[in-house]
Amino acid sequence: MGEVEIRDDRGAGRLEAVEGGEVVGRIEYFVLDEPAPALVPVHTVVEPAHEGKGIAGSLARELYTLAAREGVVVAPLCPYVVRWASRHPEEAPAADPELLRAAKQWLAAHPGRF
């Protein structure tokens, strides 16, 4: 396996894992503004040829690191990120239930986004 670089494409709402110039995994997310700023991961995808290499976990870890650098929280709706966060509570603080409700409402109001 080559070096995997993780980059944030905020405009597209994707945190991407790139290896050899190819996107091999991603977390799709949106930025919630109200009731408080949050990054909201909705979907995690790793290309089949790259599964089992820890890419999804690296993406989840980087999402929480990115949020911490920006002073915002992660309000995960993605089942993978929810599971990852439950296994890494020291790196993934729990989101306020109000933020999770607001994130679900935003997602319901934008059905074509993901």
PDB file of N, CA and C in Angstrom:
ATOM      1  N   MET A   1       0.843  -1.181   0.000  1.00  0.00           N
ATOM      2  CA  MET A   1       0.000   0.000   0.000  1.00  0.00           C
ATOM      3  C   MET A   1       0.880   1.233   0.000  1.00  0.00           C
ATOM      4  N   GLY A   2       0.543   2.187  -0.840  1.00  0.00           N
ATOM      5  CA  GLY A   2       1.274   3.438  -0.889  1.00  0.00           C
ATOM      6  C   GLY A   2       0.814   4.370   0.216  1.00  0.00           C
ATOM      7  N   GLU A   3       1.376   5.538   0.219  1.00  0.00           N
ATOM      8  CA  GLU A   3       1.019   6.570   1.191  1.00  0.00           C
ATOM      9  C   GLU A   3      -0.384   7.081   0.900  1.00  0.00           C
ATOM     10  N   VAL A   4      -1.231   7.113   1.921  1.00  0.00           N
ATOM     11  CA  VAL A   4      -2.588   7.636   1.782  1.00  0.00           C
ATOM     12  C   VAL A   4      -2.612   9.044   2.348  1.00  0.00           C
ATOM     13  N   GLU A   5      -3.044   9.974   1.528  1.00  0.00           N
ATOM     14  CA  GLU A   5      -3.181  11.372   1.930  1.00  0.00           C
ATOM     15  C   GLU A   5      -4.663  11.639   2.160  1.00  0.00           C
ATOM     16  N   ILE A   6      -4.983  12.364   3.202  1.00  0.00           N
ATOM     17  CA  ILE A   6      -6.374  12.725   3.453  1.00  0.00           C
ATOM     18  C   ILE A   6      -6.507  14.220   3.236  1.00  0.00           C
ATOM     19  N   ARG A   7      -7.483  14.582   2.416  1.00  0.00           N
ATOM     20  CA  ARG A   7      -7.692  16.002   2.118  1.00  0.00           C
ATOM     21  C   ARG A   7      -9.168  16.347   2.251  1.00  0.00           C
ATOM     22  N   ASP A   8      -9.398  17.582   2.640  1.00  0.00           N
ATOM     23  CA  ASP A   8     -10.745  18.086   2.843  1.00  0.00           C
ATOM     24  C   ASP A   8     -11.176  18.891   1.626  1.00  0.00           C
ATOM     25  N   ASP A   9     -12.247  18.459   0.987  1.00  0.00           N
ATOM     26  CA  ASP A   9     -12.851  19.222  -0.112  1.00  0.00           C
ATOM     27  C   ASP A   9     -14.142  19.813   0.445  1.00  0.00           C
ATOM     28  N   ARG A  10     -13.995  20.892   1.197  1.00  0.00           N
ATOM     29  CA  ARG A  10     -15.128  21.489   1.905  1.00  0.00           C
ATOM     30  C   ARG A  10     -16.247  21.888   0.947  1.00  0.00           C
ATOM     31  N   GLY A  11     -15.881  22.429  -0.202  1.00  0.00           N
ATOM     32  CA  GLY A  11     -16.893  22.853  -1.169  1.00  0.00           C
ATOM     33  C   GLY A  11     -17.791  21.712  -1.622  1.00  0.00           C
ATOM     34  N   ALA A  12     -17.215  20.532  -1.772  1.00  0.00           N
ATOM     35  CA  ALA A  12     -17.981  19.358  -2.202  1.00  0.00           C
ATOM     36  C   ALA A  12     -18.529  18.574  -1.015  1.00  0.00           C
ATOM     37  N   GLY A  13     -18.087  18.926   0.203  1.00  0.00           N
ATOM     38  CA  GLY A  13     -18.538  18.197   1.382  1.00  0.00           C
ATOM     39  C   GLY A  13     -17.977  16.790   1.442  1.00  0.00           C
ATOM     40  N   ARG A  14     -16.683  16.680   1.135  1.00  0.00           N
ATOM     41  CA  ARG A  14     -16.039  15.356   1.161  1.00  0.00           C
ATOM     42  C   ARG A  14     -14.673  15.449   1.823  1.00  0.00           C
ATOM     43  N   LEU A  15     -14.421  14.500   2.698  1.00  0.00           N
ATOM     44  CA  LEU A  15     -13.093  14.265   3.224  1.00  0.00           C
ATOM     45  C   LEU A  15     -12.597  13.048   2.457  1.00  0.00           C
ATOM     46  N   GLU A  16     -11.525  13.211   1.691  1.00  0.00           N
ATOM     47  CA  GLU A  16     -11.103  12.168   0.756  1.00  0.00           C
ATOM     48  C   GLU A  16      -9.769  11.549   1.149  1.00  0.00           C
ATOM     49  N   ALA A  17      -9.685  10.236   0.984  1.00  0.00           N
ATOM     50  CA  ALA A  17      -8.425   9.506   1.126  1.00  0.00           C
ATOM     51  C   ALA A  17      -7.909   9.275  -0.290  1.00  0.00           C
ATOM     52  N   VAL A  18      -6.703   9.738  -0.533  1.00  0.00           N
ATOM     53  CA  VAL A  18      -6.123   9.669  -1.874  1.00  0.00           C
ATOM     54  C   VAL A  18      -4.844   8.847  -1.815  1.00  0.00           C
ATOM     55  N   GLU A  19      -4.742   7.883  -2.727  1.00  0.00           N
ATOM     56  CA  GLU A  19      -3.543   7.056  -2.841  1.00  0.00           C
ATOM     57  C   GLU A  19      -3.152   6.992  -4.307  1.00  0.00           C
ATOM     58  N   GLY A  20      -1.930   7.372  -4.606  1.00  0.00           N
ATOM     59  CA  GLY A  20      -1.460   7.334  -5.989  1.00  0.00           C
ATOM     60  C   GLY A  20      -2.291   8.195  -6.923  1.00  0.00           C
ATOM     61  N   GLY A  21      -2.800   9.312  -6.412  1.00  0.00           N
ATOM     62  CA  GLY A  21      -3.600  10.217  -7.230  1.00  0.00           C
ATOM     63  C   GLY A  21      -5.050   9.799  -7.391  1.00  0.00           C
ATOM     64  N   GLU A  22      -5.434   8.688  -6.788  1.00  0.00           N
ATOM     65  CA  GLU A  22      -6.794   8.161  -6.923  1.00  0.00           C
ATOM     66  C   GLU A  22      -7.527   8.273  -5.581  1.00  0.00           C
ATOM     67  N   VAL A  23      -8.783   8.737  -5.618  1.00  0.00           N
ATOM     68  CA  VAL A  23      -9.602   8.777  -4.408  1.00  0.00           C
ATOM     69  C   VAL A  23     -10.037   7.344  -4.109  1.00  0.00           C
ATOM     70  N   VAL A  24      -9.585   6.826  -2.956  1.00  0.00           N
ATOM     71  CA  VAL A  24      -9.866   5.435  -2.605  1.00  0.00           C
ATOM     72  C   VAL A  24     -10.887   5.325  -1.478  1.00  0.00           C
ATOM     73  N   GLY A  25     -11.243   6.455  -0.881  1.00  0.00           N
ATOM     74  CA  GLY A  25     -12.251   6.462   0.174  1.00  0.00           C
ATOM     75  C   GLY A  25     -12.677   7.883   0.459  1.00  0.00           C
ATOM     76  N   ARG A  26     -13.854   8.004   1.099  1.00  0.00           N
ATOM     77  CA  ARG A  26     -14.329   9.345   1.419  1.00  0.00           C
ATOM     78  C   ARG A  26     -15.390   9.286   2.510  1.00  0.00           C
ATOM     79  N   ILE A  27     -15.490  10.379   3.216  1.00  0.00           N
ATOM     80  CA  ILE A  27     -16.629  10.638   4.089  1.00  0.00           C
ATOM     81  C   ILE A  27     -17.349  11.831   3.487  1.00  0.00           C
ATOM     82  N   GLU A  28     -18.629  11.656   3.215  1.00  0.00           N
ATOM     83  CA  GLU A  28     -19.458  12.753   2.727  1.00  0.00           C
ATOM     84  C   GLU A  28     -20.090  13.412   3.941  1.00  0.00           C
ATOM     85  N   TYR A  29     -20.028  14.750   3.980  1.00  0.00           N
ATOM     86  CA  TYR A  29     -20.520  15.463   5.156  1.00  0.00           C
ATOM     87  C   TYR A  29     -21.085  16.817   4.747  1.00  0.00           C
ATOM     88  N   PHE A  30     -21.768  17.448   5.694  1.00  0.00           N
ATOM     89  CA  PHE A  30     -22.180  18.836   5.505  1.00  0.00           C
ATOM     90  C   PHE A  30     -21.844  19.609   6.768  1.00  0.00           C
ATOM     91  N   VAL A  31     -21.866  20.919   6.644  1.00  0.00           N
ATOM     92  CA  VAL A  31     -21.588  21.797   7.773  1.00  0.00           C
ATOM     93  C   VAL A  31     -22.922  22.323   8.286  1.00  0.00           C
ATOM     94  N   LEU A  32     -23.195  22.069   9.537  1.00  0.00           N
ATOM     95  CA  LEU A  32     -24.397  22.564  10.195  1.00  0.00           C
ATOM     96  C   LEU A  32     -24.049  23.886  10.857  1.00  0.00           C
ATOM     97  N   ASP A  33     -24.884  24.901  10.671  1.00  0.00           N
ATOM     98  CA  ASP A  33     -24.620  26.213  11.268  1.00  0.00           C
ATOM     99  C   ASP A  33     -25.393  26.437  12.564  1.00  0.00           C
ATOM    100  N   GLU A  34     -26.603  25.927  12.634  1.00  0.00           N
ATOM    101  CA  GLU A  34     -27.481  26.151  13.789  1.00  0.00           C
ATOM    102  C   GLU A  34     -27.982  24.824  14.321  1.00  0.00           C
ATOM    103  N   PRO A  35     -28.125  24.649  15.580  1.00  0.00           N
ATOM    104  CA  PRO A  35     -28.019  25.603  16.675  1.00  0.00           C
ATOM    105  C   PRO A  35     -26.574  25.931  17.061  1.00  0.00           C
ATOM    106  N   ALA A  36     -25.611  25.161  16.538  1.00  0.00           N
ATOM    107  CA  ALA A  36     -24.190  25.445  16.754  1.00  0.00           C
ATOM    108  C   ALA A  36     -23.430  24.845  15.578  1.00  0.00           C
ATOM    109  N   PRO A  37     -22.275  25.407  15.252  1.00  0.00           N
ATOM    110  CA  PRO A  37     -21.500  24.850  14.139  1.00  0.00           C
ATOM    111  C   PRO A  37     -21.086  23.399  14.409  1.00  0.00           C
ATOM    112  N   ALA A  38     -21.233  22.565  13.377  1.00  0.00           N
ATOM    113  CA  ALA A  38     -20.855  21.157  13.495  1.00  0.00           C
ATOM    114  C   ALA A  38     -20.561  20.593  12.115  1.00  0.00           C
ATOM    115  N   LEU A  39     -19.677  19.605  12.077  1.00  0.00           N
ATOM    116  CA  LEU A  39     -19.468  18.811  10.869  1.00  0.00           C
ATOM    117  C   LEU A  39     -20.346  17.577  11.013  1.00  0.00           C
ATOM    118  N   VAL A  40     -21.109  17.271   9.978  1.00  0.00           N
ATOM    119  CA  VAL A  40     -22.074  16.177  10.052  1.00  0.00           C
ATOM    120  C   VAL A  40     -21.758  15.134   8.978  1.00  0.00           C
ATOM    121  N   PRO A  41     -21.047  14.068   9.348  1.00  0.00           N
ATOM    122  CA  PRO A  41     -20.785  13.002   8.377  1.00  0.00           C
ATOM    123  C   PRO A  41     -22.052  12.188   8.139  1.00  0.00           C
ATOM    124  N   VAL A  42     -22.308  11.917   6.863  1.00  0.00           N
ATOM    125  CA  VAL A  42     -23.520  11.208   6.481  1.00  0.00           C
ATOM    126  C   VAL A  42     -23.215   9.834   5.893  1.00  0.00           C
ATOM    127  N   HIS A  43     -22.094   9.715   5.198  1.00  0.00           N
ATOM    128  CA  HIS A  43     -21.828   8.477   4.464  1.00  0.00           C
ATOM    129  C   HIS A  43     -20.319   8.264   4.360  1.00  0.00           C
ATOM    130  N   THR A  44     -19.871   7.036   4.610  1.00  0.00           N
ATOM    131  CA  THR A  44     -18.458   6.676   4.446  1.00  0.00           C
ATOM    132  C   THR A  44     -18.360   5.599   3.375  1.00  0.00           C
ATOM    133  N   VAL A  45     -17.449   5.803   2.426  1.00  0.00           N
ATOM    134  CA  VAL A  45     -17.261   4.856   1.329  1.00  0.00           C
ATOM    135  C   VAL A  45     -15.774   4.578   1.178  1.00  0.00           C
ATOM    136  N   VAL A  46     -15.422   3.304   1.073  1.00  0.00           N
ATOM    137  CA  VAL A  46     -14.059   2.902   0.720  1.00  0.00           C
ATOM    138  C   VAL A  46     -14.195   1.997  -0.502  1.00  0.00           C
ATOM    139  N   GLU A  47     -13.410   2.287  -1.520  1.00  0.00           N
ATOM    140  CA  GLU A  47     -13.466   1.474  -2.733  1.00  0.00           C
ATOM    141  C   GLU A  47     -13.135   0.024  -2.384  1.00  0.00           C
ATOM    142  N   PRO A  48     -13.851  -0.939  -2.982  1.00  0.00           N
ATOM    143  CA  PRO A  48     -13.678  -2.355  -2.623  1.00  0.00           C
ATOM    144  C   PRO A  48     -12.231  -2.843  -2.644  1.00  0.00           C
ATOM    145  N   ALA A  49     -11.447  -2.406  -3.587  1.00  0.00           N
ATOM    146  CA  ALA A  49     -10.050  -2.867  -3.676  1.00  0.00           C
ATOM    147  C   ALA A  49      -9.198  -2.342  -2.522  1.00  0.00           C
ATOM    148  N   HIS A  50      -9.717  -1.398  -1.753  1.00  0.00           N
ATOM    149  CA  HIS A  50      -8.943  -0.777  -0.678  1.00  0.00           C
ATOM    150  C   HIS A  50      -9.533  -1.046   0.706  1.00  0.00           C
ATOM    151  N   GLU A  51     -10.544  -1.888   0.763  1.00  0.00           N
ATOM    152  CA  GLU A  51     -11.147  -2.218   2.057  1.00  0.00           C
ATOM    153  C   GLU A  51     -10.160  -3.002   2.914  1.00  0.00           C
ATOM    154  N   GLY A  52     -10.315  -2.885   4.222  1.00  0.00           N
ATOM    155  CA  GLY A  52      -9.469  -3.632   5.148  1.00  0.00           C
ATOM    156  C   GLY A  52      -8.111  -3.014   5.400  1.00  0.00           C
ATOM    157  N   LYS A  53      -7.882  -1.820   4.923  1.00  0.00           N
ATOM    158  CA  LYS A  53      -6.589  -1.152   5.088  1.00  0.00           C
ATOM    159  C   LYS A  53      -6.625  -0.053   6.143  1.00  0.00           C
ATOM    160  N   GLY A  54      -7.759   0.096   6.831  1.00  0.00           N
ATOM    161  CA  GLY A  54      -7.868   1.132   7.851  1.00  0.00           C
ATOM    162  C   GLY A  54      -8.197   2.511   7.314  1.00  0.00           C
ATOM    163  N   ILE A  55      -8.592   2.585   6.061  1.00  0.00           N
ATOM    164  CA  ILE A  55      -8.854   3.887   5.441  1.00  0.00           C
ATOM    165  C   ILE A  55     -10.061   4.569   6.075  1.00  0.00           C
ATOM    166  N   ALA A  56     -11.148   3.839   6.295  1.00  0.00           N
ATOM    167  CA  ALA A  56     -12.343   4.441   6.887  1.00  0.00           C
ATOM    168  C   ALA A  56     -12.038   4.989   8.279  1.00  0.00           C
ATOM    169  N   GLY A  57     -11.288   4.229   9.068  1.00  0.00           N
ATOM    170  CA  GLY A  57     -10.913   4.698  10.401  1.00  0.00           C
ATOM    171  C   GLY A  57     -10.035   5.935  10.340  1.00  0.00           C
ATOM    172  N   SER A  58      -9.117   5.970   9.388  1.00  0.00           N
ATOM    173  CA  SER A  58      -8.260   7.151   9.221  1.00  0.00           C
ATOM    174  C   SER A  58      -9.086   8.372   8.841  1.00  0.00           C
ATOM    175  N   LEU A  59     -10.075   8.166   7.998  1.00  0.00           N
ATOM    176  CA  LEU A  59     -10.960   9.270   7.614  1.00  0.00           C
ATOM    177  C   LEU A  59     -11.749   9.772   8.818  1.00  0.00           C
ATOM    178  N   ALA A  60     -12.308   8.860   9.600  1.00  0.00           N
ATOM    179  CA  ALA A  60     -13.081   9.262  10.782  1.00  0.00           C
ATOM    180  C   ALA A  60     -12.200  10.031  11.762  1.00  0.00           C
ATOM    181  N   ARG A  61     -11.010   9.514  12.016  1.00  0.00           N
ATOM    182  CA  ARG A  61     -10.079  10.183  12.937  1.00  0.00           C
ATOM    183  C   ARG A  61      -9.752  11.593  12.430  1.00  0.00           C
ATOM    184  N   GLU A  62      -9.487  11.724  11.147  1.00  0.00           N
ATOM    185  CA  GLU A  62      -9.154  13.039  10.586  1.00  0.00           C
ATOM    186  C   GLU A  62     -10.343  13.996  10.657  1.00  0.00           C
ATOM    187  N   LEU A  63     -11.559  13.485  10.501  1.00  0.00           N
ATOM    188  CA  LEU A  63     -12.741  14.346  10.603  1.00  0.00           C
ATOM    189  C   LEU A  63     -12.819  14.952  12.008  1.00  0.00           C
ATOM    190  N   TYR A  64     -12.613  14.119  13.035  1.00  0.00           N
ATOM    191  CA  TYR A  64     -12.637  14.634  14.405  1.00  0.00           C
ATOM    192  C   TYR A  64     -11.470  15.589  14.666  1.00  0.00           C
ATOM    193  N   THR A  65     -10.313  15.302  14.101  1.00  0.00           N
ATOM    194  CA  THR A  65      -9.166  16.194  14.249  1.00  0.00           C
ATOM    195  C   THR A  65      -9.436  17.535  13.589  1.00  0.00           C
ATOM    196  N   LEU A  66     -10.001  17.498  12.396  1.00  0.00           N
ATOM    197  CA  LEU A  66     -10.355  18.710  11.662  1.00  0.00           C
ATOM    198  C   LEU A  66     -11.354  19.544  12.460  1.00  0.00           C
ATOM    199  N   ALA A  67     -12.375  18.887  12.994  1.00  0.00           N
ATOM    200  CA  ALA A  67     -13.382  19.597  13.788  1.00  0.00           C
ATOM    201  C   ALA A  67     -12.742  20.253  15.012  1.00  0.00           C
ATOM    202  N   ALA A  68     -11.866  19.528  15.690  1.00  0.00           N
ATOM    203  CA  ALA A  68     -11.205  20.082  16.875  1.00  0.00           C
ATOM    204  C   ALA A  68     -10.363  21.303  16.514  1.00  0.00           C
ATOM    205  N   ARG A  69      -9.643  21.228  15.390  1.00  0.00           N
ATOM    206  CA  ARG A  69      -8.825  22.381  14.946  1.00  0.00           C
ATOM    207  C   ARG A  69      -9.695  23.594  14.673  1.00  0.00           C
ATOM    208  N   GLU A  70     -10.910  23.347  14.161  1.00  0.00           N
ATOM    209  CA  GLU A  70     -11.809  24.448  13.823  1.00  0.00           C
ATOM    210  C   GLU A  70     -12.670  24.883  15.007  1.00  0.00           C
ATOM    211  N   GLY A  71     -12.583  24.167  16.117  1.00  0.00           N
ATOM    212  CA  GLY A  71     -13.365  24.521  17.291  1.00  0.00           C
ATOM    213  C   GLY A  71     -14.840  24.202  17.162  1.00  0.00           C
ATOM    214  N   VAL A  72     -15.156  23.167  16.362  1.00  0.00           N
ATOM    215  CA  VAL A  72     -16.548  22.742  16.201  1.00  0.00           C
ATOM    216  C   VAL A  72     -16.644  21.272  16.605  1.00  0.00           C
ATOM    217  N   VAL A  73     -17.848  20.761  16.667  1.00  0.00           N
ATOM    218  CA  VAL A  73     -18.049  19.363  17.034  1.00  0.00           C
ATOM    219  C   VAL A  73     -18.443  18.557  15.804  1.00  0.00           C
ATOM    220  N   VAL A  74     -18.402  17.253  15.963  1.00  0.00           N
ATOM    221  CA  VAL A  74     -18.897  16.337  14.937  1.00  0.00           C
ATOM    222  C   VAL A  74     -20.227  15.792  15.443  1.00  0.00           C
ATOM    223  N   ALA A  75     -21.234  15.856  14.590  1.00  0.00           N
ATOM    224  CA  ALA A  75     -22.559  15.305  14.892  1.00  0.00           C
ATOM    225  C   ALA A  75     -22.801  14.180  13.889  1.00  0.00           C
ATOM    226  N   PRO A  76     -22.343  12.970  14.194  1.00  0.00           N
ATOM    227  CA  PRO A  76     -22.357  11.907  13.194  1.00  0.00           C
ATOM    228  C   PRO A  76     -23.739  11.296  12.936  1.00  0.00           C
ATOM    229  N   LEU A  77     -24.091  11.233  11.665  1.00  0.00           N
ATOM    230  CA  LEU A  77     -25.275  10.511  11.221  1.00  0.00           C
ATOM    231  C   LEU A  77     -24.869   9.254  10.462  1.00  0.00           C
ATOM    232  N   CYS A  78     -23.631   9.194  10.023  1.00  0.00           N
ATOM    233  CA  CYS A  78     -23.106   8.036   9.306  1.00  0.00           C
ATOM    234  C   CYS A  78     -22.934   6.876  10.286  1.00  0.00           C
ATOM    235  N   PRO A  79     -23.539   5.730  10.004  1.00  0.00           N
ATOM    236  CA  PRO A  79     -23.415   4.594  10.921  1.00  0.00           C
ATOM    237  C   PRO A  79     -21.963   4.190  11.200  1.00  0.00           C
ATOM    238  N   TYR A  80     -21.108   4.248  10.196  1.00  0.00           N
ATOM    239  CA  TYR A  80     -19.710   3.885  10.430  1.00  0.00           C
ATOM    240  C   TYR A  80     -19.056   4.845  11.418  1.00  0.00           C
ATOM    241  N   VAL A  81     -19.245   6.142  11.214  1.00  0.00           N
ATOM    242  CA  VAL A  81     -18.620   7.127  12.096  1.00  0.00           C
ATOM    243  C   VAL A  81     -19.193   7.016  13.512  1.00  0.00           C
ATOM    244  N   VAL A  82     -20.482   6.720  13.636  1.00  0.00           N
ATOM    245  CA  VAL A  82     -21.083   6.517  14.957  1.00  0.00           C
ATOM    246  C   VAL A  82     -20.381   5.359  15.670  1.00  0.00           C
ATOM    247  N   ARG A  83     -20.179   4.236  14.969  1.00  0.00           N
ATOM    248  CA  ARG A  83     -19.490   3.076  15.567  1.00  0.00           C
ATOM    249  C   ARG A  83     -18.036   3.409  15.913  1.00  0.00           C
ATOM    250  N   TRP A  84     -17.348   4.088  14.995  1.00  0.00           N
ATOM    251  CA  TRP A  84     -15.960   4.448  15.234  1.00  0.00           C
ATOM    252  C   TRP A  84     -15.859   5.338  16.482  1.00  0.00           C
ATOM    253  N   ALA A  85     -16.740   6.322  16.568  1.00  0.00           N
ATOM    254  CA  ALA A  85     -16.726   7.246  17.713  1.00  0.00           C
ATOM    255  C   ALA A  85     -16.976   6.505  19.027  1.00  0.00           C
ATOM    256  N   SER A  86     -17.863   5.507  19.005  1.00  0.00           N
ATOM    257  CA  SER A  86     -18.147   4.765  20.236  1.00  0.00           C
ATOM    258  C   SER A  86     -16.937   3.944  20.680  1.00  0.00           C
ATOM    259  N   ARG A  87     -16.082   3.549  19.736  1.00  0.00           N
ATOM    260  CA  ARG A  87     -14.872   2.794  20.066  1.00  0.00           C
ATOM    261  C   ARG A  87     -13.692   3.696  20.434  1.00  0.00           C
ATOM    262  N   HIS A  88     -13.803   4.991  20.148  1.00  0.00           N
ATOM    263  CA  HIS A  88     -12.709   5.936  20.393  1.00  0.00           C
ATOM    264  C   HIS A  88     -13.229   7.188  21.113  1.00  0.00           C
ATOM    265  N   PRO A  89     -13.839   7.025  22.280  1.00  0.00           N
ATOM    266  CA  PRO A  89     -14.434   8.191  22.956  1.00  0.00           C
ATOM    267  C   PRO A  89     -13.418   9.260  23.346  1.00  0.00           C
ATOM    268  N   GLU A  90     -12.158   8.865  23.516  1.00  0.00           N
ATOM    269  CA  GLU A  90     -11.136   9.850  23.867  1.00  0.00           C
ATOM    270  C   GLU A  90     -10.813  10.769  22.694  1.00  0.00           C
ATOM    271  N   GLU A  91     -11.099  10.349  21.488  1.00  0.00           N
ATOM    272  CA  GLU A  91     -10.841  11.158  20.291  1.00  0.00           C
ATOM    273  C   GLU A  91     -12.117  11.744  19.708  1.00  0.00           C
ATOM    274  N   ALA A  92     -13.261  11.194  20.118  1.00  0.00           N
ATOM    275  CA  ALA A  92     -14.533  11.533  19.483  1.00  0.00           C
ATOM    276  C   ALA A  92     -15.576  11.884  20.545  1.00  0.00           C
ATOM    277  N   PRO A  93     -15.553  13.128  21.009  1.00  0.00           N
ATOM    278  CA  PRO A  93     -16.531  13.523  22.017  1.00  0.00           C
ATOM    279  C   PRO A  93     -17.956  13.378  21.485  1.00  0.00           C
ATOM    280  N   ALA A  94     -18.846  12.972  22.355  1.00  0.00           N
ATOM    281  CA  ALA A  94     -20.250  12.802  21.968  1.00  0.00           C
ATOM    282  C   ALA A  94     -20.875  14.155  21.625  1.00  0.00           C
ATOM    283  N   ALA A  95     -21.730  14.139  20.626  1.00  0.00           N
ATOM    284  CA  ALA A  95     -22.426  15.357  20.211  1.00  0.00           C
ATOM    285  C   ALA A  95     -23.683  15.543  21.050  1.00  0.00           C
ATOM    286  N   ASP A  96     -24.035  16.778  21.262  1.00  0.00           N
ATOM    287  CA  ASP A  96     -25.259  17.123  21.972  1.00  0.00           C
ATOM    288  C   ASP A  96     -26.458  16.565  21.191  1.00  0.00           C
ATOM    289  N   PRO A  97     -27.401  15.926  21.865  1.00  0.00           N
ATOM    290  CA  PRO A  97     -28.581  15.384  21.170  1.00  0.00           C
ATOM    291  C   PRO A  97     -29.338  16.436  20.356  1.00  0.00           C
ATOM    292  N   GLU A  98     -29.325  17.692  20.816  1.00  0.00           N
ATOM    293  CA  GLU A  98     -29.990  18.760  20.065  1.00  0.00           C
ATOM    294  C   GLU A  98     -29.318  18.969  18.708  1.00  0.00           C
ATOM    295  N   LEU A  99     -27.991  18.882  18.679  1.00  0.00           N
ATOM    296  CA  LEU A  99     -27.269  19.005  17.407  1.00  0.00           C
ATOM    297  C   LEU A  99     -27.611  17.843  16.479  1.00  0.00           C
ATOM    298  N   LEU A 100     -27.696  16.644  17.031  1.00  0.00           N
ATOM    299  CA  LEU A 100     -28.053  15.489  16.205  1.00  0.00           C
ATOM    300  C   LEU A 100     -29.456  15.631  15.636  1.00  0.00           C
ATOM    301  N   ARG A 101     -30.389  16.127  16.440  1.00  0.00           N
ATOM    302  CA  ARG A 101     -31.757  16.360  15.936  1.00  0.00           C
ATOM    303  C   ARG A 101     -31.748  17.391  14.818  1.00  0.00           C
ATOM    304  N   ALA A 102     -31.003  18.477  15.023  1.00  0.00           N
ATOM    305  CA  ALA A 102     -30.926  19.527  14.001  1.00  0.00           C
ATOM    306  C   ALA A 102     -30.286  18.983  12.720  1.00  0.00           C
ATOM    307  N   ALA A 103     -29.268  18.149  12.858  1.00  0.00           N
ATOM    308  CA  ALA A 103     -28.603  17.558  11.684  1.00  0.00           C
ATOM    309  C   ALA A 103     -29.580  16.668  10.917  1.00  0.00           C
ATOM    310  N   LYS A 104     -30.364  15.863  11.642  1.00  0.00           N
ATOM    311  CA  LYS A 104     -31.358  14.999  10.982  1.00  0.00           C
ATOM    312  C   LYS A 104     -32.414  15.826  10.278  1.00  0.00           C
ATOM    313  N   GLN A 105     -32.838  16.938  10.881  1.00  0.00           N
ATOM    314  CA  GLN A 105     -33.822  17.816  10.248  1.00  0.00           C
ATOM    315  C   GLN A 105     -33.243  18.437   8.976  1.00  0.00           C
ATOM    316  N   TRP A 106     -31.979  18.868   9.033  1.00  0.00           N
ATOM    317  CA  TRP A 106     -31.336  19.453   7.858  1.00  0.00           C
ATOM    318  C   TRP A 106     -31.293  18.424   6.737  1.00  0.00           C
ATOM    319  N   LEU A 107     -30.903  17.212   7.078  1.00  0.00           N
ATOM    320  CA  LEU A 107     -30.793  16.149   6.071  1.00  0.00           C
ATOM    321  C   LEU A 107     -32.158  15.858   5.453  1.00  0.00           C
ATOM    322  N   ALA A 108     -33.201  15.807   6.257  1.00  0.00           N
ATOM    323  CA  ALA A 108     -34.555  15.553   5.755  1.00  0.00           C
ATOM    324  C   ALA A 108     -35.021  16.678   4.838  1.00  0.00           C
ATOM    325  N   ALA A 109     -34.572  17.901   5.119  1.00  0.00           N
ATOM    326  CA  ALA A 109     -34.971  19.058   4.308  1.00  0.00           C
ATOM    327  C   ALA A 109     -34.173  19.155   3.000  1.00  0.00           C
ATOM    328  N   HIS A 110     -33.119  18.358   2.859  1.00  0.00           N
ATOM    329  CA  HIS A 110     -32.262  18.376   1.658  1.00  0.00           C
ATOM    330  C   HIS A 110     -32.124  16.955   1.139  1.00  0.00           C
ATOM    331  N   PRO A 111     -33.234  16.340   0.691  1.00  0.00           N
ATOM    332  CA  PRO A 111     -33.195  14.915   0.336  1.00  0.00           C
ATOM    333  C   PRO A 111     -32.285  14.563  -0.845  1.00  0.00           C
ATOM    334  N   GLY A 112     -32.016  15.468  -1.723  1.00  0.00           N
ATOM    335  CA  GLY A 112     -31.173  15.156  -2.875  1.00  0.00           C
ATOM    336  C   GLY A 112     -29.703  15.368  -2.641  1.00  0.00           C
ATOM    337  N   ARG A 113     -29.324  15.841  -1.469  1.00  0.00           N
ATOM    338  CA  ARG A 113     -27.914  16.189  -1.201  1.00  0.00           C
ATOM    339  C   ARG A 113     -27.012  14.973  -1.105  1.00  0.00           C
ATOM    340  N   PHE A 114     -27.509  13.864  -0.546  1.00  0.00           N
ATOM    341  CA  PHE A 114     -26.674  12.674  -0.362  1.00  0.00           C
ATOM    342  C   PHE A 114     -27.343  11.467  -0.975  1.00  0.00           C
TER     343      PHE A 114
END
